[in-house]
Amino acid sequence: MKKCVHIFVQGQVQGVYFRAYTEKRAVELNLTGWVRNRRDGRVEIMAEGSEAELKEFLDWCSTGSPHSHVEHVDATWIQCEQDFNTFSVTQSK
């Protein structure tokens, strides 16, 4: 059964390839959804997949890309309202 999680990552997460590494890790875990920068400096992620894969992904988000410095991860489990086909980097919001 698919689950969805909406994630905000705070810290030094923009300009350090965080989104590219996020996409790579999500694809490795067979997740679908998207990742984007926010104007407030955070990165926002919507991910869909199995609960086990999503929990592993959340653990990864706490560390992030090699040059990032994650200060806080806020994750909310939500009802899946959209069926994503891939995981991609989307436009900033």
PDB file of N, CA and C in Angstrom:
ATOM      1  N   MET A   1       0.843  -1.188   0.000  1.00  0.00           N
ATOM      2  CA  MET A   1       0.000   0.000   0.000  1.00  0.00           C
ATOM      3  C   MET A   1       0.887   1.251   0.000  1.00  0.00           C
ATOM      4  N   LYS A   2       0.581   2.153  -0.904  1.00  0.00           N
ATOM      5  CA  LYS A   2       1.371   3.374  -0.998  1.00  0.00           C
ATOM      6  C   LYS A   2       0.994   4.360   0.098  1.00  0.00           C
ATOM      7  N   LYS A   3       2.023   5.068   0.563  1.00  0.00           N
ATOM      8  CA  LYS A   3       1.855   6.128   1.544  1.00  0.00           C
ATOM      9  C   LYS A   3       2.499   7.382   0.972  1.00  0.00           C
ATOM     10  N   CYS A   4       2.145   8.527   1.556  1.00  0.00           N
ATOM     11  CA  CYS A   4       2.715   9.807   1.122  1.00  0.00           C
ATOM     12  C   CYS A   4       3.224  10.574   2.330  1.00  0.00           C
ATOM     13  N   VAL A   5       4.312  11.291   2.116  1.00  0.00           N
ATOM     14  CA  VAL A   5       4.853  12.148   3.162  1.00  0.00           C
ATOM     15  C   VAL A   5       5.248  13.484   2.531  1.00  0.00           C
ATOM     16  N   HIS A   6       4.895  14.549   3.231  1.00  0.00           N
ATOM     17  CA  HIS A   6       5.211  15.924   2.809  1.00  0.00           C
ATOM     18  C   HIS A   6       6.313  16.401   3.744  1.00  0.00           C
ATOM     19  N   ILE A   7       7.441  16.814   3.179  1.00  0.00           N
ATOM     20  CA  ILE A   7       8.646  17.081   3.967  1.00  0.00           C
ATOM     21  C   ILE A   7       9.157  18.496   3.703  1.00  0.00           C
ATOM     22  N   PHE A   8       9.592  19.160   4.766  1.00  0.00           N
ATOM     23  CA  PHE A   8      10.320  20.420   4.655  1.00  0.00           C
ATOM     24  C   PHE A   8      11.675  20.220   5.321  1.00  0.00           C
ATOM     25  N   VAL A   9      12.737  20.554   4.612  1.00  0.00           N
ATOM     26  CA  VAL A   9      14.093  20.405   5.137  1.00  0.00           C
ATOM     27  C   VAL A   9      14.689  21.799   5.277  1.00  0.00           C
ATOM     28  N   GLN A  10      15.219  22.079   6.472  1.00  0.00           N
ATOM     29  CA  GLN A  10      15.764  23.402   6.786  1.00  0.00           C
ATOM     30  C   GLN A  10      17.243  23.286   7.107  1.00  0.00           C
ATOM     31  N   GLY A  11      17.998  24.302   6.736  1.00  0.00           N
ATOM     32  CA  GLY A  11      19.438  24.347   6.994  1.00  0.00           C
ATOM     33  C   GLY A  11      20.137  24.867   5.752  1.00  0.00           C
ATOM     34  N   GLN A  12      21.385  24.476   5.584  1.00  0.00           N
ATOM     35  CA  GLN A  12      22.114  24.832   4.372  1.00  0.00           C
ATOM     36  C   GLN A  12      21.795  23.754   3.339  1.00  0.00           C
ATOM     37  N   VAL A  13      20.672  23.957   2.641  1.00  0.00           N
ATOM     38  CA  VAL A  13      20.174  22.936   1.723  1.00  0.00           C
ATOM     39  C   VAL A  13      19.921  23.474   0.305  1.00  0.00           C
ATOM     40  N   GLN A  14      20.253  24.723   0.073  1.00  0.00           N
ATOM     41  CA  GLN A  14      20.146  25.272  -1.276  1.00  0.00           C
ATOM     42  C   GLN A  14      21.538  25.655  -1.753  1.00  0.00           C
ATOM     43  N   GLY A  15      21.791  25.400  -3.031  1.00  0.00           N
ATOM     44  CA  GLY A  15      23.102  25.698  -3.595  1.00  0.00           C
ATOM     45  C   GLY A  15      24.142  24.637  -3.292  1.00  0.00           C
ATOM     46  N   VAL A  16      23.706  23.473  -2.807  1.00  0.00           N
ATOM     47  CA  VAL A  16      24.626  22.386  -2.455  1.00  0.00           C
ATOM     48  C   VAL A  16      24.194  21.060  -3.096  1.00  0.00           C
ATOM     49  N   TYR A  17      23.432  21.166  -4.193  1.00  0.00           N
ATOM     50  CA  TYR A  17      22.952  20.000  -4.941  1.00  0.00           C
ATOM     51  C   TYR A  17      22.027  19.105  -4.127  1.00  0.00           C
ATOM     52  N   PHE A  18      21.366  19.667  -3.128  1.00  0.00           N
ATOM     53  CA  PHE A  18      20.462  18.879  -2.291  1.00  0.00           C
ATOM     54  C   PHE A  18      19.333  18.273  -3.124  1.00  0.00           C
ATOM     55  N   ARG A  19      18.743  19.071  -4.020  1.00  0.00           N
ATOM     56  CA  ARG A  19      17.627  18.557  -4.821  1.00  0.00           C
ATOM     57  C   ARG A  19      18.068  17.422  -5.736  1.00  0.00           C
ATOM     58  N   ALA A  20      19.226  17.544  -6.363  1.00  0.00           N
ATOM     59  CA  ALA A  20      19.715  16.494  -7.256  1.00  0.00           C
ATOM     60  C   ALA A  20      19.974  15.199  -6.493  1.00  0.00           C
ATOM     61  N   TYR A  21      20.596  15.318  -5.332  1.00  0.00           N
ATOM     62  CA  TYR A  21      20.841  14.127  -4.512  1.00  0.00           C
ATOM     63  C   TYR A  21      19.535  13.540  -3.982  1.00  0.00           C
ATOM     64  N   THR A  22      18.574  14.406  -3.681  1.00  0.00           N
ATOM     65  CA  THR A  22      17.265  13.944  -3.214  1.00  0.00           C
ATOM     66  C   THR A  22      16.589  13.130  -4.313  1.00  0.00           C
ATOM     67  N   GLU A  23      16.625  13.637  -5.530  1.00  0.00           N
ATOM     68  CA  GLU A  23      16.026  12.915  -6.652  1.00  0.00           C
ATOM     69  C   GLU A  23      16.710  11.561  -6.843  1.00  0.00           C
ATOM     70  N   LYS A  24      18.031  11.553  -6.790  1.00  0.00           N
ATOM     71  CA  LYS A  24      18.791  10.299  -6.965  1.00  0.00           C
ATOM     72  C   LYS A  24      18.418   9.281  -5.899  1.00  0.00           C
ATOM     73  N   ARG A  25      18.350   9.715  -4.647  1.00  0.00           N
ATOM     74  CA  ARG A  25      18.026   8.790  -3.542  1.00  0.00           C
ATOM     75  C   ARG A  25      16.592   8.290  -3.654  1.00  0.00           C
ATOM     76  N   ALA A  26      15.670   9.180  -4.012  1.00  0.00           N
ATOM     77  CA  ALA A  26      14.272   8.776  -4.163  1.00  0.00           C
ATOM     78  C   ALA A  26      14.117   7.726  -5.257  1.00  0.00           C
ATOM     79  N   VAL A  27      14.801   7.927  -6.373  1.00  0.00           N
ATOM     80  CA  VAL A  27      14.737   6.956  -7.474  1.00  0.00           C
ATOM     81  C   VAL A  27      15.316   5.616  -7.027  1.00  0.00           C
ATOM     82  N   GLU A  28      16.419   5.642  -6.286  1.00  0.00           N
ATOM     83  CA  GLU A  28      17.022   4.402  -5.768  1.00  0.00           C
ATOM     84  C   GLU A  28      16.045   3.642  -4.879  1.00  0.00           C
ATOM     85  N   LEU A  29      15.184   4.369  -4.171  1.00  0.00           N
ATOM     86  CA  LEU A  29      14.222   3.751  -3.258  1.00  0.00           C
ATOM     87  C   LEU A  29      12.861   3.498  -3.916  1.00  0.00           C
ATOM     88  N   ASN A  30      12.784   3.700  -5.226  1.00  0.00           N
ATOM     89  CA  ASN A  30      11.536   3.489  -5.974  1.00  0.00           C
ATOM     90  C   ASN A  30      10.404   4.394  -5.514  1.00  0.00           C
ATOM     91  N   LEU A  31      10.750   5.613  -5.118  1.00  0.00           N
ATOM     92  CA  LEU A  31       9.743   6.579  -4.705  1.00  0.00           C
ATOM     93  C   LEU A  31       9.351   7.450  -5.889  1.00  0.00           C
ATOM     94  N   THR A  32       8.162   8.007  -5.819  1.00  0.00           N
ATOM     95  CA  THR A  32       7.719   8.979  -6.802  1.00  0.00           C
ATOM     96  C   THR A  32       7.368  10.265  -6.070  1.00  0.00           C
ATOM     97  N   GLY A  33       7.285  11.368  -6.815  1.00  0.00           N
ATOM     98  CA  GLY A  33       6.948  12.654  -6.212  1.00  0.00           C
ATOM     99  C   GLY A  33       7.796  13.761  -6.785  1.00  0.00           C
ATOM    100  N   TRP A  34       8.147  14.735  -5.945  1.00  0.00           N
ATOM    101  CA  TRP A  34       8.927  15.880  -6.408  1.00  0.00           C
ATOM    102  C   TRP A  34       9.695  16.529  -5.259  1.00  0.00           C
ATOM    103  N   VAL A  35      10.657  17.379  -5.653  1.00  0.00           N
ATOM    104  CA  VAL A  35      11.440  18.171  -4.704  1.00  0.00           C
ATOM    105  C   VAL A  35      11.619  19.555  -5.307  1.00  0.00           C
ATOM    106  N   ARG A  36      11.573  20.595  -4.476  1.00  0.00           N
ATOM    107  CA  ARG A  36      11.768  21.962  -4.968  1.00  0.00           C
ATOM    108  C   ARG A  36      12.313  22.851  -3.862  1.00  0.00           C
ATOM    109  N   ASN A  37      13.017  23.906  -4.297  1.00  0.00           N
ATOM    110  CA  ASN A  37      13.462  24.939  -3.365  1.00  0.00           C
ATOM    111  C   ASN A  37      12.286  25.837  -3.012  1.00  0.00           C
ATOM    112  N   ARG A  38      12.339  26.398  -1.820  1.00  0.00           N
ATOM    113  CA  ARG A  38      11.355  27.393  -1.397  1.00  0.00           C
ATOM    114  C   ARG A  38      12.078  28.718  -1.218  1.00  0.00           C
ATOM    115  N   ARG A  39      11.364  29.802  -1.404  1.00  0.00           N
ATOM    116  CA  ARG A  39      11.963  31.134  -1.275  1.00  0.00           C
ATOM    117  C   ARG A  39      12.487  31.410   0.131  1.00  0.00           C
ATOM    118  N   ASP A  40      11.933  30.709   1.125  1.00  0.00           N
ATOM    119  CA  ASP A  40      12.363  30.930   2.511  1.00  0.00           C
ATOM    120  C   ASP A  40      13.645  30.172   2.855  1.00  0.00           C
ATOM    121  N   GLY A  41      14.269  29.509   1.863  1.00  0.00           N
ATOM    122  CA  GLY A  41      15.535  28.812   2.084  1.00  0.00           C
ATOM    123  C   GLY A  41      15.397  27.332   2.370  1.00  0.00           C
ATOM    124  N   ARG A  42      14.171  26.869   2.586  1.00  0.00           N
ATOM    125  CA  ARG A  42      13.958  25.443   2.832  1.00  0.00           C
ATOM    126  C   ARG A  42      13.816  24.697   1.509  1.00  0.00           C
ATOM    127  N   VAL A  43      13.882  23.378   1.600  1.00  0.00           N
ATOM    128  CA  VAL A  43      13.571  22.505   0.483  1.00  0.00           C
ATOM    129  C   VAL A  43      12.291  21.760   0.850  1.00  0.00           C
ATOM    130  N   GLU A  44      11.378  21.673  -0.116  1.00  0.00           N
ATOM    131  CA  GLU A  44      10.094  20.999   0.082  1.00  0.00           C
ATOM    132  C   GLU A  44      10.072  19.732  -0.766  1.00  0.00           C
ATOM    133  N   ILE A  45       9.571  18.655  -0.182  1.00  0.00           N
ATOM    134  CA  ILE A  45       9.536  17.358  -0.861  1.00  0.00           C
ATOM    135  C   ILE A  45       8.160  16.727  -0.670  1.00  0.00           C
ATOM    136  N   MET A  46       7.628  16.155  -1.733  1.00  0.00           N
ATOM    137  CA  MET A  46       6.443  15.309  -1.661  1.00  0.00           C
ATOM    138  C   MET A  46       6.876  13.951  -2.177  1.00  0.00           C
ATOM    139  N   ALA A  47       6.743  12.928  -1.354  1.00  0.00           N
ATOM    140  CA  ALA A  47       7.206  11.602  -1.749  1.00  0.00           C
ATOM    141  C   ALA A  47       6.122  10.562  -1.514  1.00  0.00           C
ATOM    142  N   GLU A  48       6.060   9.599  -2.432  1.00  0.00           N
ATOM    143  CA  GLU A  48       5.071   8.533  -2.384  1.00  0.00           C
ATOM    144  C   GLU A  48       5.779   7.199  -2.569  1.00  0.00           C
ATOM    145  N   GLY A  49       5.385   6.208  -1.771  1.00  0.00           N
ATOM    146  CA  GLY A  49       5.974   4.877  -1.883  1.00  0.00           C
ATOM    147  C   GLY A  49       5.553   4.023  -0.714  1.00  0.00           C
ATOM    148  N   SER A  50       6.283   2.951  -0.488  1.00  0.00           N
ATOM    149  CA  SER A  50       5.974   2.080   0.647  1.00  0.00           C
ATOM    150  C   SER A  50       6.435   2.760   1.943  1.00  0.00           C
ATOM    151  N   GLU A  51       5.821   2.412   3.036  1.00  0.00           N
ATOM    152  CA  GLU A  51       6.178   3.015   4.320  1.00  0.00           C
ATOM    153  C   GLU A  51       7.643   2.774   4.662  1.00  0.00           C
ATOM    154  N   ALA A  52       8.131   1.573   4.417  1.00  0.00           N
ATOM    155  CA  ALA A  52       9.537   1.254   4.725  1.00  0.00           C
ATOM    156  C   ALA A  52      10.492   2.109   3.905  1.00  0.00           C
ATOM    157  N   GLU A  53      10.209   2.258   2.610  1.00  0.00           N
ATOM    158  CA  GLU A  53      11.082   3.072   1.752  1.00  0.00           C
ATOM    159  C   GLU A  53      11.018   4.538   2.152  1.00  0.00           C
ATOM    160  N   LEU A  54       9.835   5.017   2.502  1.00  0.00           N
ATOM    161  CA  LEU A  54       9.685   6.413   2.914  1.00  0.00           C
ATOM    162  C   LEU A  54      10.420   6.685   4.221  1.00  0.00           C
ATOM    163  N   LYS A  55      10.395   5.738   5.151  1.00  0.00           N
ATOM    164  CA  LYS A  55      11.122   5.916   6.411  1.00  0.00           C
ATOM    165  C   LYS A  55      12.631   5.963   6.156  1.00  0.00           C
ATOM    166  N   GLU A  56      13.110   5.123   5.252  1.00  0.00           N
ATOM    167  CA  GLU A  56      14.535   5.148   4.896  1.00  0.00           C
ATOM    168  C   GLU A  56      14.884   6.488   4.236  1.00  0.00           C
ATOM    169  N   PHE A  57      13.988   6.988   3.386  1.00  0.00           N
ATOM    170  CA  PHE A  57      14.176   8.269   2.728  1.00  0.00           C
ATOM    171  C   PHE A  57      14.214   9.407   3.753  1.00  0.00           C
ATOM    172  N   LEU A  58      13.328   9.365   4.733  1.00  0.00           N
ATOM    173  CA  LEU A  58      13.326  10.387   5.784  1.00  0.00           C
ATOM    174  C   LEU A  58      14.634  10.380   6.561  1.00  0.00           C
ATOM    175  N   ASP A  59      15.168   9.195   6.836  1.00  0.00           N
ATOM    176  CA  ASP A  59      16.474   9.106   7.501  1.00  0.00           C
ATOM    177  C   ASP A  59      17.539   9.790   6.655  1.00  0.00           C
ATOM    178  N   TRP A  60      17.501   9.538   5.334  1.00  0.00           N
ATOM    179  CA  TRP A  60      18.466  10.174   4.434  1.00  0.00           C
ATOM    180  C   TRP A  60      18.312  11.693   4.464  1.00  0.00           C
ATOM    181  N   CYS A  61      17.071  12.183   4.472  1.00  0.00           N
ATOM    182  CA  CYS A  61      16.819  13.628   4.470  1.00  0.00           C
ATOM    183  C   CYS A  61      17.462  14.315   5.678  1.00  0.00           C
ATOM    184  N   SER A  62      17.603  13.616   6.775  1.00  0.00           N
ATOM    185  CA  SER A  62      18.215  14.185   7.980  1.00  0.00           C
ATOM    186  C   SER A  62      19.701  14.449   7.793  1.00  0.00           C
ATOM    187  N   THR A  63      20.319  13.747   6.849  1.00  0.00           N
ATOM    188  CA  THR A  63      21.732  13.937   6.532  1.00  0.00           C
ATOM    189  C   THR A  63      21.900  14.768   5.278  1.00  0.00           C
ATOM    190  N   GLY A  64      21.194  14.384   4.214  1.00  0.00           N
ATOM    191  CA  GLY A  64      21.204  15.146   2.958  1.00  0.00           C
ATOM    192  C   GLY A  64      22.425  14.906   2.114  1.00  0.00           C
ATOM    193  N   SER A  65      22.661  15.848   1.212  1.00  0.00           N
ATOM    194  CA  SER A  65      23.767  15.749   0.263  1.00  0.00           C
ATOM    195  C   SER A  65      25.099  16.003   0.970  1.00  0.00           C
ATOM    196  N   PRO A  66      26.209  15.619   0.319  1.00  0.00           N
ATOM    197  CA  PRO A  66      27.524  15.737   0.973  1.00  0.00           C
ATOM    198  C   PRO A  66      27.867  17.140   1.483  1.00  0.00           C
ATOM    199  N   HIS A  67      27.448  18.196   0.798  1.00  0.00           N
ATOM    200  CA  HIS A  67      27.825  19.545   1.214  1.00  0.00           C
ATOM    201  C   HIS A  67      26.708  20.289   1.941  1.00  0.00           C
ATOM    202  N   SER A  68      25.608  19.606   2.199  1.00  0.00           N
ATOM    203  CA  SER A  68      24.505  20.258   2.911  1.00  0.00           C
ATOM    204  C   SER A  68      24.723  20.148   4.421  1.00  0.00           C
ATOM    205  N   HIS A  69      23.985  20.969   5.136  1.00  0.00           N
ATOM    206  CA  HIS A  69      23.966  20.899   6.597  1.00  0.00           C
ATOM    207  C   HIS A  69      22.501  21.010   7.016  1.00  0.00           C
ATOM    208  N   VAL A  70      21.899  19.879   7.305  1.00  0.00           N
ATOM    209  CA  VAL A  70      20.482  19.835   7.664  1.00  0.00           C
ATOM    210  C   VAL A  70      20.326  20.174   9.143  1.00  0.00           C
ATOM    211  N   GLU A  71      19.497  21.169   9.415  1.00  0.00           N
ATOM    212  CA  GLU A  71      19.220  21.571  10.792  1.00  0.00           C
ATOM    213  C   GLU A  71      17.924  20.979  11.314  1.00  0.00           C
ATOM    214  N   HIS A  72      16.935  20.835  10.425  1.00  0.00           N
ATOM    215  CA  HIS A  72      15.628  20.350  10.882  1.00  0.00           C
ATOM    216  C   HIS A  72      14.864  19.734   9.713  1.00  0.00           C
ATOM    217  N   VAL A  73      14.174  18.634   9.979  1.00  0.00           N
ATOM    218  CA  VAL A  73      13.297  17.996   9.003  1.00  0.00           C
ATOM    219  C   VAL A  73      11.910  17.916   9.619  1.00  0.00           C
ATOM    220  N   ASP A  74      10.939  18.474   8.914  1.00  0.00           N
ATOM    221  CA  ASP A  74       9.542  18.428   9.357  1.00  0.00           C
ATOM    222  C   ASP A  74       8.786  17.562   8.364  1.00  0.00           C
ATOM    223  N   ALA A  75       8.268  16.431   8.814  1.00  0.00           N
ATOM    224  CA  ALA A  75       7.574  15.497   7.929  1.00  0.00           C
ATOM    225  C   ALA A  75       6.152  15.270   8.413  1.00  0.00           C
ATOM    226  N   THR A  76       5.212  15.292   7.471  1.00  0.00           N
ATOM    227  CA  THR A  76       3.811  15.046   7.770  1.00  0.00           C
ATOM    228  C   THR A  76       3.309  13.937   6.860  1.00  0.00           C
ATOM    229  N   TRP A  77       2.826  12.858   7.462  1.00  0.00           N
ATOM    230  CA  TRP A  77       2.235  11.767   6.683  1.00  0.00           C
ATOM    231  C   TRP A  77       0.847  12.219   6.267  1.00  0.00           C
ATOM    232  N   ILE A  78       0.565  12.128   4.963  1.00  0.00           N
ATOM    233  CA  ILE A  78      -0.710  12.608   4.449  1.00  0.00           C
ATOM    234  C   ILE A  78      -1.373  11.535   3.591  1.00  0.00           C
ATOM    235  N   GLN A  79      -2.639  11.743   3.317  1.00  0.00           N
ATOM    236  CA  GLN A  79      -3.345  10.855   2.407  1.00  0.00           C
ATOM    237  C   GLN A  79      -2.879  11.163   0.985  1.00  0.00           C
ATOM    238  N   CYS A  80      -2.571  10.127   0.225  1.00  0.00           N
ATOM    239  CA  CYS A  80      -2.125  10.319  -1.154  1.00  0.00           C
ATOM    240  C   CYS A  80      -3.295  10.822  -1.987  1.00  0.00           C
ATOM    241  N   GLU A  81      -3.121  12.012  -2.560  1.00  0.00           N
ATOM    242  CA  GLU A  81      -4.172  12.595  -3.382  1.00  0.00           C
ATOM    243  C   GLU A  81      -3.815  12.573  -4.861  1.00  0.00           C
ATOM    244  N   GLN A  82      -2.578  12.265  -5.169  1.00  0.00           N
ATOM    245  CA  GLN A  82      -2.118  12.279  -6.547  1.00  0.00           C
ATOM    246  C   GLN A  82      -1.239  11.063  -6.757  1.00  0.00           C
ATOM    247  N   ASP A  83      -1.360  10.442  -7.905  1.00  0.00           N
ATOM    248  CA  ASP A  83      -0.524   9.291  -8.226  1.00  0.00           C
ATOM    249  C   ASP A  83       0.604   9.767  -9.131  1.00  0.00           C
ATOM    250  N   PHE A  84       1.808   9.859  -8.583  1.00  0.00           N
ATOM    251  CA  PHE A  84       2.968  10.331  -9.340  1.00  0.00           C
ATOM    252  C   PHE A  84       3.553   9.189 -10.161  1.00  0.00           C
ATOM    253  N   ASN A  85       4.097   9.515 -11.322  1.00  0.00           N
ATOM    254  CA  ASN A  85       4.716   8.506 -12.182  1.00  0.00           C
ATOM    255  C   ASN A  85       6.220   8.419 -11.991  1.00  0.00           C
ATOM    256  N   THR A  86       6.836   9.549 -11.617  1.00  0.00           N
ATOM    257  CA  THR A  86       8.285   9.624 -11.471  1.00  0.00           C
ATOM    258  C   THR A  86       8.604  10.473 -10.249  1.00  0.00           C
ATOM    259  N   PHE A  87       9.895  10.633  -9.982  1.00  0.00           N
ATOM    260  CA  PHE A  87      10.348  11.596  -8.983  1.00  0.00           C
ATOM    261  C   PHE A  87      11.161  12.632  -9.734  1.00  0.00           C
ATOM    262  N   SER A  88      10.853  13.914  -9.520  1.00  0.00           N
ATOM    263  CA  SER A  88      11.529  14.954 -10.299  1.00  0.00           C
ATOM    264  C   SER A  88      11.773  16.212  -9.485  1.00  0.00           C
ATOM    265  N   VAL A  89      12.703  17.012  -9.981  1.00  0.00           N
ATOM    266  CA  VAL A  89      12.965  18.343  -9.447  1.00  0.00           C
ATOM    267  C   VAL A  89      11.986  19.287 -10.140  1.00  0.00           C
ATOM    268  N   THR A  90      11.254  20.085  -9.356  1.00  0.00           N
ATOM    269  CA  THR A  90      10.280  21.005  -9.938  1.00  0.00           C
ATOM    270  C   THR A  90      10.695  22.454  -9.657  1.00  0.00           C
ATOM    271  N   GLN A  91       9.928  23.372 -10.185  1.00  0.00           N
ATOM    272  CA  GLN A  91      10.204  24.804 -10.038  1.00  0.00           C
ATOM    273  C   GLN A  91      10.100  25.242  -8.586  1.00  0.00           C
ATOM    274  N   SER A  92      10.909  26.218  -8.231  1.00  0.00           N
ATOM    275  CA  SER A  92      10.888  26.792  -6.892  1.00  0.00           C
ATOM    276  C   SER A  92       9.555  27.441  -6.620  1.00  0.00           C
ATOM    277  N   LYS A  93       9.222  27.504  -5.348  1.00  0.00           N
ATOM    278  CA  LYS A  93       7.970  28.153  -4.945  1.00  0.00           C
ATOM    279  C   LYS A  93       8.256  29.154  -3.866  1.00  0.00           C
TER     280      LYS A  93
END
